[in-house]
Every structure is written in C-alpha cells, then in structure tokens.
Amino acid sequence: MLSGKFELNLHGSKRVMQALCFQGGLMDIQHQGIILNVYNFDDCVSFYKKAFDLAEMFLKVDGDFRLTCLEFGNSYLMLET
C-alpha cells in the first residue's frame, strides 16, 4: 500500500506530465531513479551502500524526516523515512 505522501507526489507528477504533453511541450528528463520509503533507515542505507558499493550523493535531515540519495549507475537510489 502506498503512503499518502507518495500518492500525492505521484498524482502531482502525473498532472505535470499531462500538462506538458497536452501543451506540446517536451520533457527534459535529466535523471531517473528509484525512491524507497523505509522503516529502518540506518540499516537500509548501510545495506545498500555495502551490498552494492553505492556512493552517497547527498543527505538531508529535517526533524524526523531523513533522506539519503545514493549513486546507482547513471541513476539514483533515494531512501527516505
């Protein structure tokens, strides 16, 4: 089941994509990636870094919210709480 926050972001992105397509605009996709909302944040970050030898691109902490973005080939793997 998707969290409410993820559903909201997904629907918002869909509206933007529809607006660009219907207005004849071209999307300039610069990065693609995978976003995972995780419960055991520290354990998950450690696992992905070690198991796949992924380098950290950046880290953001805002109160209880934590986010780490890892290089994943030409993409990224983003882990968030």
Protein backbone atom coordinates (compact mmCIF):
# COMPACT_ATOMS: atom_id res chain seq x y z
CA MET A 1 0.00 0.00 0.00
CA LEU A 2 1.36 3.43 -0.93
CA SER A 3 1.66 6.11 1.73
CA GLY A 4 -0.49 9.21 1.36
CA LYS A 5 2.59 11.33 0.76
CA PHE A 6 3.77 9.12 -2.11
CA GLU A 7 0.34 9.03 -3.70
CA LEU A 8 0.15 12.82 -3.57
CA ASN A 9 3.56 13.16 -5.24
CA LEU A 10 2.65 10.57 -7.85
CA HIS A 11 -0.62 12.30 -8.75
CA GLY A 12 1.10 15.70 -8.86
CA SER A 13 3.73 14.36 -11.24
CA LYS A 14 1.02 12.87 -13.45
CA ARG A 15 -0.71 16.25 -13.73
CA VAL A 16 2.56 17.96 -14.69
CA MET A 17 3.29 15.31 -17.31
CA GLN A 18 -0.23 15.62 -18.76
CA ALA A 19 0.10 19.41 -18.91
CA LEU A 20 3.42 19.18 -20.74
CA CYS A 21 2.10 16.63 -23.23
CA PHE A 22 -1.15 18.45 -23.95
CA GLN A 23 0.60 21.80 -24.40
CA GLY A 24 3.04 20.28 -26.87
CA GLY A 25 5.98 20.70 -24.50
CA LEU A 26 8.94 18.38 -24.41
CA MET A 27 10.09 16.90 -21.14
CA ASP A 28 13.79 17.26 -20.42
CA ILE A 29 14.45 14.25 -18.17
CA GLN A 30 17.91 14.68 -16.71
CA HIS A 31 17.90 11.96 -14.05
CA GLN A 32 15.94 8.81 -13.37
CA GLY A 33 15.89 6.88 -10.16
CA ILE A 34 14.17 4.79 -7.56
CA ILE A 35 12.69 6.20 -4.35
CA LEU A 36 12.09 3.90 -1.38
CA ASN A 37 10.24 4.90 1.77
CA VAL A 38 11.83 2.74 4.50
CA TYR A 39 11.23 1.99 8.17
CA ASN A 40 14.76 1.01 9.28
CA PHE A 41 16.51 3.96 7.65
CA ASP A 42 20.05 3.49 9.01
CA ASP A 43 20.04 -0.26 8.36
CA CYS A 44 18.73 0.21 4.81
CA VAL A 45 21.26 2.91 3.93
CA SER A 46 24.08 0.76 5.31
CA PHE A 47 22.83 -2.31 3.42
CA TYR A 48 22.57 -0.61 0.01
CA LYS A 49 25.91 1.17 0.43
CA LYS A 50 27.74 -2.05 1.35
CA ALA A 51 25.88 -4.65 -0.74
CA PHE A 52 26.04 -2.66 -3.98
CA ASP A 53 29.01 -0.38 -3.22
CA LEU A 54 26.89 2.76 -3.77
CA ALA A 55 28.37 6.18 -3.08
CA GLU A 56 26.36 8.80 -1.20
CA MET A 57 25.35 11.81 -3.31
CA PHE A 58 23.71 13.80 -0.50
CA LEU A 59 21.89 13.53 2.82
CA LYS A 60 19.03 15.68 4.13
CA VAL A 61 17.63 15.76 7.66
CA ASP A 62 14.60 17.86 8.61
CA GLY A 63 13.18 16.95 12.02
CA ASP A 64 12.08 13.29 11.85
CA PHE A 65 12.37 13.24 8.05
CA ARG A 66 15.62 11.76 6.71
CA LEU A 67 16.67 11.26 3.12
CA THR A 68 19.80 9.84 1.53
CA CYS A 69 20.48 9.74 -2.19
CA LEU A 70 22.94 7.12 -3.47
CA GLU A 71 24.58 6.90 -6.90
CA PHE A 72 23.12 3.92 -8.76
CA GLY A 73 24.93 3.73 -12.10
CA ASN A 74 23.52 6.54 -14.24
CA SER A 75 20.52 6.74 -11.90
CA TYR A 76 19.98 7.21 -8.19
CA LEU A 77 18.53 5.27 -5.28
CA MET A 78 16.81 7.56 -2.80
CA LEU A 79 15.93 6.26 0.65
CA GLU A 80 13.62 8.28 2.89
CA THR A 81 11.70 7.94 6.12
